């Protein structure tokens, strides 16, 4: 799923829970936190990442991993930023 300059991350929660969505580089360093411990109701959600880090600086092209954590649930997926 190559993207440039932004991507939409979609997910669904079957029940109300605290959710965190984070972006990591391939070295495992956290690049950006999009959602942090937010209490969310059940249903479909989406969050946009505009290829910037937590300081608002553009990140370099390459492969990144996003992780969605909700209670005991964890899901990770790769994504490719092209510039």
Protein backbone atom coordinates (compact mmCIF):
# COMPACT_ATOMS: atom_id res chain seq x y z
CA UNK A 1 0.00 0.00 0.00
CA UNK A 2 2.42 2.74 -1.10
CA UNK A 3 1.30 6.25 -0.25
CA UNK A 4 2.36 9.85 -0.75
CA UNK A 5 1.93 12.28 1.00
CA UNK A 6 -0.60 10.84 3.48
CA UNK A 7 -2.46 7.64 4.26
CA UNK A 8 -5.67 6.73 6.03
CA UNK A 9 -5.53 3.96 8.65
CA UNK A 10 -8.91 2.31 9.16
CA UNK A 11 -9.88 -0.02 11.98
CA UNK A 12 -12.93 -1.42 13.75
CA UNK A 13 -13.55 -2.02 17.44
CA UNK A 14 -16.25 -4.51 18.52
CA UNK A 15 -16.50 -2.94 21.99
CA UNK A 16 -15.65 0.24 23.87
CA UNK A 17 -11.99 0.30 24.88
CA UNK A 18 -8.90 2.50 25.10
CA UNK A 19 -7.08 2.71 21.76
CA UNK A 20 -3.52 3.69 20.81
CA UNK A 21 -2.31 3.99 17.22
CA UNK A 22 1.45 4.43 16.72
CA UNK A 23 3.84 4.54 13.76
CA UNK A 24 7.31 2.91 13.95
CA UNK A 25 10.28 2.78 11.61
CA UNK A 26 11.87 -0.56 10.72
CA UNK A 27 14.39 -0.18 13.54
CA UNK A 28 11.50 -0.21 16.03
CA UNK A 29 11.76 3.47 16.93
CA UNK A 30 8.47 5.24 17.50
CA UNK A 31 7.99 7.90 14.85
CA UNK A 32 4.52 9.21 15.63
CA UNK A 33 1.62 8.58 17.98
CA UNK A 34 -1.66 9.28 16.20
CA UNK A 35 -4.05 8.21 18.98
CA UNK A 36 -2.92 7.79 22.60
CA UNK A 37 -5.08 5.84 25.05
CA UNK A 38 -8.28 7.40 23.76
CA UNK A 39 -11.50 5.82 25.00
CA UNK A 40 -13.45 4.87 21.87
CA UNK A 41 -16.90 3.37 21.42
CA UNK A 42 -17.43 0.26 19.31
CA UNK A 43 -17.49 0.83 15.56
CA UNK A 44 -15.41 1.87 12.60
CA UNK A 45 -12.68 4.48 12.98
CA UNK A 46 -10.03 6.04 10.79
CA UNK A 47 -7.01 8.21 11.43
CA UNK A 48 -4.78 9.99 8.92
CA UNK A 49 -0.99 10.05 8.97
CA UNK A 50 0.64 12.81 6.94
CA UNK A 51 4.18 11.33 7.00
CA UNK A 52 5.43 13.52 9.84
CA UNK A 53 6.95 12.63 13.20
CA UNK A 54 5.77 13.79 16.64
CA UNK A 55 7.70 17.06 16.13
CA UNK A 56 5.86 17.82 12.89
CA UNK A 57 8.92 17.15 10.71
CA UNK A 58 8.60 15.18 7.48
CA UNK A 59 9.95 11.65 7.64
CA UNK A 60 12.04 10.05 4.91
CA UNK A 61 10.69 7.68 2.29
CA UNK A 62 10.73 4.03 3.26
CA UNK A 63 8.84 1.31 5.05
CA UNK A 64 6.97 1.98 8.28
CA UNK A 65 4.85 -0.12 10.61
CA UNK A 66 1.69 0.99 12.33
CA UNK A 67 0.41 -0.68 15.48
CA UNK A 68 -3.12 -0.51 16.83
CA UNK A 69 -3.50 -1.44 20.49
CA UNK A 70 -6.93 -1.81 22.06
CA UNK A 71 -7.08 -3.60 25.39
CA UNK A 72 -5.44 -7.01 24.88
CA UNK A 73 -5.71 -6.69 21.07
CA UNK A 74 -2.67 -5.69 18.97
CA UNK A 75 -2.48 -5.42 15.21
CA UNK A 76 0.54 -4.40 13.14
CA UNK A 77 0.85 -3.77 9.44
CA UNK A 78 3.55 -2.48 7.09
CA UNK A 79 3.16 0.55 4.84
CA UNK A 80 5.48 2.19 2.31
CA UNK A 81 6.02 5.93 2.01
CA UNK A 82 7.10 7.03 -1.47
CA UNK A 83 8.43 10.50 -2.21
